[in-house]
N, C-alpha and C. Protein backbone atom coordinates (compact mmCIF):
# COMPACT_ATOMS: atom_id res chain seq x y z
N MET A 1 -8.14 1.62 -25.67
CA MET A 1 -7.01 2.24 -25.57
C MET A 1 -6.07 1.74 -24.35
N ASN A 2 -4.90 1.59 -24.27
CA ASN A 2 -4.19 1.09 -22.93
C ASN A 2 -3.80 2.63 -22.31
N ALA A 3 -3.67 2.75 -21.17
CA ALA A 3 -3.14 3.80 -20.56
C ALA A 3 -1.51 3.74 -20.75
N PRO A 4 -0.69 4.76 -20.86
CA PRO A 4 0.71 4.70 -20.92
C PRO A 4 1.21 3.98 -19.52
N PRO A 5 2.31 3.21 -19.73
CA PRO A 5 3.01 2.39 -18.65
C PRO A 5 3.15 3.12 -17.48
N SER A 6 3.64 4.24 -17.40
CA SER A 6 3.84 5.25 -16.23
C SER A 6 2.46 5.59 -15.46
N ALA A 7 1.58 5.88 -16.19
CA ALA A 7 0.11 6.01 -15.81
C ALA A 7 -0.46 5.12 -15.13
N THR A 8 -0.13 3.61 -15.68
CA THR A 8 -0.73 2.53 -15.39
C THR A 8 -0.04 2.23 -13.92
N TYR A 9 1.33 2.50 -14.04
CA TYR A 9 2.23 2.20 -12.77
C TYR A 9 1.60 2.80 -11.52
N ILE A 10 1.34 4.08 -11.74
CA ILE A 10 0.90 5.17 -10.69
C ILE A 10 -0.55 4.83 -10.19
N ALA A 11 -1.34 4.47 -11.08
CA ALA A 11 -2.80 4.44 -10.81
C ALA A 11 -2.78 2.92 -10.21
N ASP A 12 -1.91 1.96 -10.38
CA ASP A 12 -1.99 0.59 -9.40
C ASP A 12 -1.46 0.74 -8.04
N VAL A 13 -0.40 1.53 -8.08
CA VAL A 13 0.32 1.82 -6.72
C VAL A 13 -0.78 2.60 -5.71
N LEU A 14 -1.39 3.71 -6.42
CA LEU A 14 -2.36 4.44 -5.62
C LEU A 14 -3.43 3.75 -5.37
N LEU A 15 -4.06 2.88 -6.07
CA LEU A 15 -5.34 2.06 -5.87
C LEU A 15 -4.96 1.15 -4.66
N TRP A 16 -3.84 0.38 -4.61
CA TRP A 16 -3.37 -0.45 -3.64
C TRP A 16 -3.36 0.18 -2.34
N PHE A 17 -2.76 1.49 -2.28
CA PHE A 17 -2.43 2.16 -1.22
C PHE A 17 -3.93 2.49 -0.49
N VAL A 18 -4.81 3.07 -1.29
CA VAL A 18 -5.80 3.54 -0.50
C VAL A 18 -7.06 2.37 -0.33
N GLU A 19 -6.64 1.12 -0.88
CA GLU A 19 -7.57 0.26 -0.16
C GLU A 19 -6.96 -0.62 0.91
N LEU A 20 -5.80 -0.24 1.29
CA LEU A 20 -5.33 -0.61 2.59
C LEU A 20 -6.01 -0.07 3.91
N PRO A 21 -6.10 -0.89 4.69
CA PRO A 21 -6.49 -0.39 6.08
C PRO A 21 -5.76 0.83 6.80
N GLU A 22 -6.43 1.82 7.09
CA GLU A 22 -5.91 2.96 8.11
C GLU A 22 -5.07 3.57 6.88
N THR A 23 -5.50 3.82 5.81
CA THR A 23 -4.97 4.85 4.84
C THR A 23 -5.81 5.94 4.41
N PRO A 24 -5.50 7.03 3.72
CA PRO A 24 -6.46 7.96 3.58
C PRO A 24 -7.59 7.55 2.58
N LEU A 25 -8.51 8.12 2.61
CA LEU A 25 -9.80 8.04 1.68
C LEU A 25 -9.29 7.92 0.28
N ARG A 26 -8.41 8.95 -0.02
CA ARG A 26 -8.08 9.17 -1.44
C ARG A 26 -6.64 9.47 -1.42
N ALA A 27 -5.76 9.18 -2.49
CA ALA A 27 -4.55 9.60 -2.44
C ALA A 27 -4.26 11.22 -2.97
N GLY A 28 -3.23 11.62 -2.44
CA GLY A 28 -2.98 13.34 -2.73
C GLY A 28 -1.84 13.26 -3.56
N VAL A 29 -1.53 14.58 -3.95
CA VAL A 29 -0.70 15.09 -4.99
C VAL A 29 0.95 14.45 -4.29
N HIS A 30 1.24 14.41 -3.09
CA HIS A 30 2.30 13.94 -2.67
C HIS A 30 2.52 12.27 -2.74
N ASP A 31 1.39 11.87 -2.82
CA ASP A 31 1.45 10.20 -3.08
C ASP A 31 1.47 9.80 -4.42
N GLN A 32 1.09 10.79 -5.59
CA GLN A 32 1.23 10.57 -6.74
C GLN A 32 2.59 10.80 -7.21
N GLN A 33 3.51 11.76 -6.56
CA GLN A 33 4.59 12.20 -6.75
C GLN A 33 5.49 10.85 -6.29
N CYS A 34 5.21 10.34 -5.02
CA CYS A 34 5.94 9.28 -4.67
C CYS A 34 5.66 7.97 -5.45
N ALA A 35 4.81 7.59 -5.76
CA ALA A 35 4.53 6.48 -6.83
C ALA A 35 5.27 6.64 -8.15
N ARG A 36 5.32 8.07 -8.64
CA ARG A 36 6.14 8.58 -10.03
C ARG A 36 7.76 8.25 -9.68
N ARG A 37 8.19 8.55 -8.36
CA ARG A 37 9.45 8.42 -8.11
C ARG A 37 9.94 6.79 -8.31
N TRP A 38 9.26 6.05 -7.51
CA TRP A 38 9.45 4.62 -7.64
C TRP A 38 9.17 4.05 -8.73
N GLN A 39 8.26 4.40 -9.69
CA GLN A 39 8.21 4.03 -11.21
C GLN A 39 9.70 4.68 -11.98
N ASP A 40 9.99 5.71 -11.65
CA ASP A 40 10.93 6.36 -12.23
C ASP A 40 12.53 5.72 -11.90
N ARG A 41 12.47 5.16 -10.66
CA ARG A 41 13.44 4.05 -10.27
C ARG A 41 13.42 2.84 -10.95
N GLY A 42 12.31 2.46 -11.48
CA GLY A 42 12.22 1.25 -12.07
C GLY A 42 11.96 0.02 -10.85
N ILE A 43 11.13 0.40 -10.06
CA ILE A 43 10.95 -0.43 -8.94
C ILE A 43 9.87 -1.55 -9.37
N PRO A 44 9.76 -2.70 -9.31
CA PRO A 44 8.55 -3.56 -10.02
C PRO A 44 7.56 -3.49 -9.10
N LEU A 45 6.41 -3.33 -9.97
CA LEU A 45 5.11 -3.51 -9.21
C LEU A 45 4.61 -4.46 -8.01
N PRO A 46 5.25 -5.55 -8.48
CA PRO A 46 5.18 -6.63 -7.20
C PRO A 46 5.76 -6.40 -6.11
N LEU A 47 7.05 -6.07 -6.31
CA LEU A 47 7.76 -5.46 -5.11
C LEU A 47 7.27 -4.30 -4.16
N VAL A 48 6.26 -3.32 -5.00
CA VAL A 48 5.79 -2.43 -4.35
C VAL A 48 4.63 -2.66 -3.58
N GLU A 49 4.01 -3.72 -4.40
CA GLU A 49 2.75 -4.16 -3.66
C GLU A 49 2.79 -5.03 -2.26
N SER A 50 4.20 -5.70 -2.39
CA SER A 50 4.68 -6.54 -1.23
C SER A 50 4.84 -5.57 -0.24
N ALA A 51 5.45 -4.25 -0.26
CA ALA A 51 5.88 -3.46 0.76
C ALA A 51 4.66 -2.85 1.26
N LEU A 52 3.81 -2.59 0.39
CA LEU A 52 2.31 -1.97 0.92
C LEU A 52 1.77 -2.85 1.90
N LEU A 53 1.65 -4.02 1.40
CA LEU A 53 0.97 -5.16 2.36
C LEU A 53 1.63 -5.73 3.62
N LEU A 54 2.91 -5.68 3.41
CA LEU A 54 3.95 -5.90 4.60
C LEU A 54 3.68 -4.79 5.67
N GLY A 55 3.72 -3.84 5.25
CA GLY A 55 3.92 -2.60 5.89
C GLY A 55 2.60 -2.48 6.69
N SER A 56 1.53 -2.78 5.98
CA SER A 56 0.08 -2.69 6.32
C SER A 56 -0.18 -3.95 7.37
N LEU A 57 0.13 -5.04 7.29
CA LEU A 57 0.30 -6.24 8.09
C LEU A 57 1.03 -5.99 9.44
N ARG A 58 2.01 -5.52 9.26
CA ARG A 58 2.79 -5.15 10.53
C ARG A 58 2.35 -4.59 11.32
N ARG A 59 1.41 -3.38 11.14
CA ARG A 59 0.55 -2.66 11.92
C ARG A 59 -0.59 -3.24 12.51
N LEU A 60 -1.21 -4.02 11.64
CA LEU A 60 -2.37 -4.85 11.90
C LEU A 60 -2.19 -5.84 12.97
N LEU A 61 -1.04 -6.46 12.97
CA LEU A 61 -0.70 -7.30 13.66
C LEU A 61 0.01 -7.06 14.95
N ARG A 62 0.09 -5.93 15.47
CA ARG A 62 0.92 -5.47 16.57
C ARG A 62 0.07 -5.82 17.85
N SER A 63 0.61 -5.95 18.80
CA SER A 63 0.04 -6.54 19.86
C SER A 63 -0.91 -5.58 20.30
N ALA A 64 -2.12 -6.33 21.06
CA ALA A 64 -3.04 -5.09 21.54
C ALA A 64 -2.73 -4.42 22.53
N ASP A 65 -1.46 -4.89 23.20
CA ASP A 65 -1.06 -4.14 24.52
C ASP A 65 -0.36 -2.90 24.05
N ALA A 66 0.01 -3.00 22.81
CA ALA A 66 0.91 -1.67 22.27
C ALA A 66 -0.05 -0.46 22.09
N SER A 67 0.43 0.79 22.27
CA SER A 67 -0.35 1.88 22.14
C SER A 67 -0.52 2.18 20.67
N PRO A 68 -1.77 2.61 20.51
CA PRO A 68 -2.56 2.73 19.14
C PRO A 68 -1.32 3.44 18.04
N LEU A 69 -1.41 3.34 16.92
CA LEU A 69 -0.92 4.10 16.04
C LEU A 69 -1.90 5.08 15.37
N SER A 70 -1.09 6.14 14.89
CA SER A 70 -2.06 7.27 13.94
C SER A 70 -2.45 6.60 12.53
N PRO A 71 -3.43 7.00 12.05
CA PRO A 71 -3.75 6.52 10.58
C PRO A 71 -2.28 6.70 9.83
N ILE A 72 -2.26 5.91 8.78
CA ILE A 72 -1.34 6.30 7.81
C ILE A 72 -1.58 7.44 6.84
N ARG A 73 -0.83 8.42 6.61
CA ARG A 73 -1.30 9.51 6.07
C ARG A 73 -0.65 9.92 4.88
N SER A 74 0.66 9.15 4.36
CA SER A 74 1.17 8.96 2.99
C SER A 74 1.70 8.07 2.56
N LEU A 75 1.91 8.01 1.11
CA LEU A 75 2.53 6.60 0.60
C LEU A 75 4.10 6.41 1.03
N ALA A 76 4.39 7.53 1.33
CA ALA A 76 5.75 7.68 1.86
C ALA A 76 6.24 6.82 2.98
N TYR A 77 5.27 6.75 3.81
CA TYR A 77 5.03 5.83 5.09
C TYR A 77 5.67 4.38 4.73
N PHE A 78 5.74 3.74 3.77
CA PHE A 78 6.11 2.54 3.06
C PHE A 78 7.52 2.52 2.46
N GLN A 79 7.89 3.67 2.23
CA GLN A 79 9.45 3.87 1.67
C GLN A 79 10.50 2.91 2.70
N PRO A 80 10.57 3.05 3.89
CA PRO A 80 11.40 1.89 4.59
C PRO A 80 11.15 0.52 4.28
N VAL A 81 10.05 0.05 4.34
CA VAL A 81 9.32 -1.27 4.01
C VAL A 81 9.90 -1.36 2.50
N LEU A 82 9.73 -0.73 1.53
CA LEU A 82 10.31 -0.88 0.20
C LEU A 82 11.72 -1.23 0.01
N ASP A 83 12.46 -0.07 0.82
CA ASP A 83 13.92 -0.29 0.96
C ASP A 83 14.31 -1.68 1.70
N GLU A 84 13.65 -2.06 2.38
CA GLU A 84 14.01 -3.23 3.09
C GLU A 84 13.81 -4.61 1.91
N LEU A 85 12.84 -4.49 1.41
CA LEU A 85 12.60 -5.36 0.23
C LEU A 85 13.51 -5.47 -0.79
N ILE A 86 14.08 -4.24 -1.25
CA ILE A 86 14.97 -4.05 -2.62
C ILE A 86 15.93 -4.63 -1.93
N ALA A 87 16.71 -4.52 -0.82
CA ALA A 87 17.98 -5.02 -0.29
C ALA A 87 17.89 -6.34 0.05
N GLN A 88 16.74 -6.85 0.45
CA GLN A 88 16.50 -8.46 0.52
C GLN A 88 15.38 -8.72 -0.12
N PRO A 89 15.28 -9.11 -1.46
CA PRO A 89 13.96 -9.44 -2.20
C PRO A 89 13.34 -10.75 -1.48
N PRO A 90 12.01 -10.36 -1.49
CA PRO A 90 11.22 -11.85 -1.01
C PRO A 90 11.31 -12.96 -1.78
N PRO A 91 11.04 -14.35 -1.15
CA PRO A 91 10.97 -15.42 -1.87
C PRO A 91 9.92 -15.37 -2.80
N ALA A 92 9.79 -16.30 -3.86
CA ALA A 92 8.69 -16.71 -4.73
C ALA A 92 7.42 -16.85 -3.91
N GLY A 93 6.47 -16.39 -4.28
CA GLY A 93 5.04 -16.69 -3.74
C GLY A 93 4.92 -15.76 -2.41
N TYR A 94 5.96 -15.00 -2.11
CA TYR A 94 5.45 -14.07 -1.01
C TYR A 94 4.38 -13.19 -1.01
N LEU A 95 4.40 -12.74 -2.19
CA LEU A 95 3.11 -11.52 -2.39
C LEU A 95 1.90 -12.34 -2.41
N ASP A 96 1.69 -13.60 -2.87
CA ASP A 96 0.68 -14.02 -2.69
C ASP A 96 0.01 -14.35 -1.36
N TYR A 97 1.21 -14.73 -0.47
CA TYR A 97 1.24 -15.13 1.02
C TYR A 97 0.57 -13.79 1.70
N LEU A 98 1.02 -12.72 1.37
CA LEU A 98 1.05 -11.36 1.95
C LEU A 98 -0.72 -10.78 1.61
N ARG A 99 -1.02 -11.42 0.14
CA ARG A 99 -2.31 -10.80 -0.10
C ARG A 99 -3.43 -11.91 0.68
N LEU A 100 -3.06 -13.21 0.96
CA LEU A 100 -4.04 -14.06 1.61
C LEU A 100 -4.19 -13.58 3.01
N LYS A 101 -2.91 -13.28 3.60
CA LYS A 101 -2.80 -12.86 4.98
C LYS A 101 -3.79 -11.49 5.32
N LEU A 102 -3.58 -10.79 4.44
CA LEU A 102 -4.44 -9.44 4.68
C LEU A 102 -5.84 -9.53 4.31
N ARG A 103 -6.22 -10.60 3.44
CA ARG A 103 -7.72 -10.97 2.96
C ARG A 103 -8.12 -11.53 4.36
N ARG A 104 -7.54 -12.28 4.84
CA ARG A 104 -8.02 -13.22 6.24
C ARG A 104 -8.13 -12.30 7.02
N LEU A 105 -7.25 -11.35 7.57
CA LEU A 105 -7.29 -10.63 8.66
C LEU A 105 -8.46 -9.53 8.13
N THR A 106 -8.34 -8.80 7.25
CA THR A 106 -9.43 -7.69 7.11
C THR A 106 -11.04 -8.50 7.06
N ALA A 107 -11.11 -9.85 6.65
CA ALA A 107 -12.33 -10.57 6.69
C ALA A 107 -12.86 -10.99 8.05
N ALA A 108 -11.68 -11.10 8.76
CA ALA A 108 -12.04 -11.22 10.39
C ALA A 108 -12.33 -10.15 10.88
N LYS A 109 -12.00 -8.97 10.47
CA LYS A 109 -12.63 -7.53 11.33
C LYS A 109 -13.63 -7.04 10.36
N SER A 110 -14.20 -7.84 9.55
CA SER A 110 -15.40 -7.25 8.44
C SER A 110 -16.72 -6.73 9.26
N GLY A 111 -16.85 -6.86 10.50
CA GLY A 111 -17.85 -6.28 11.41
C GLY A 111 -17.69 -4.88 11.28
N SER A 112 -16.37 -4.24 11.09
CA SER A 112 -16.48 -2.68 10.98
C SER A 112 -17.02 -1.95 10.10
N ALA A 113 -17.33 -0.69 10.05
CA ALA A 113 -18.03 -0.21 9.06
C ALA A 113 -16.81 0.11 7.87
N ARG A 114 -17.21 -0.08 6.53
CA ARG A 114 -16.47 0.19 5.19
C ARG A 114 -16.74 1.35 4.75
N VAL A 115 -15.57 2.05 4.27
CA VAL A 115 -15.99 3.25 3.80
C VAL A 115 -15.25 3.29 2.43
N GLN A 116 -16.00 4.06 1.38
CA GLN A 116 -15.44 3.77 0.14
C GLN A 116 -14.40 4.86 -0.24
N LYS A 117 -13.28 4.46 -0.70
CA LYS A 117 -12.15 5.10 -0.83
C LYS A 117 -12.11 5.32 -2.41
N ASN A 118 -11.12 6.44 -2.82
CA ASN A 118 -10.99 6.81 -4.11
C ASN A 118 -9.25 6.94 -4.36
N ALA A 119 -8.86 6.47 -5.19
CA ALA A 119 -7.49 6.43 -5.49
C ALA A 119 -6.66 7.77 -5.55
N PHE A 120 -7.74 8.59 -6.41
CA PHE A 120 -6.97 9.87 -6.74
C PHE A 120 -7.94 11.04 -6.33
N SER A 121 -6.92 11.93 -5.87
CA SER A 121 -7.50 13.29 -5.08
C SER A 121 -7.52 13.95 -6.30
N HIS A 122 -8.94 14.95 -6.14
CA HIS A 122 -8.92 16.07 -7.24
C HIS A 122 -8.83 17.31 -6.50
N ASP A 123 -8.12 17.15 -5.52
CA ASP A 123 -7.77 18.66 -4.63
C ASP A 123 -6.41 18.92 -5.04
N ARG A 124 -6.35 20.01 -6.02
CA ARG A 124 -4.94 20.48 -6.03
C ARG A 124 -4.84 21.75 -5.51
């Protein structure tokens, strides 16, 4: 049986979120609400994924001389990047480019310990 579209949308967004570097081990209730708002607004999943990847890459590619940033604590962190992409949609193929760029960057840093993350928080 297929999951309802809204549940699939939210699950996809939360899974992408927690799989990113420097994000929480699992998504919380506020993250679920944020994903639901994006779904309710009809924001396409490819655009959401692009915003998450672009926001993460911007952090990871900062100058080594820049002061360190604190970890990302909420899906809402990506709202400004999503708004930017809504205002100026990326060209075709951009999502594939972002996926490849992040994959290569994280592979280069693969020497660091990996932590198992869970997309859903059971803390309510």
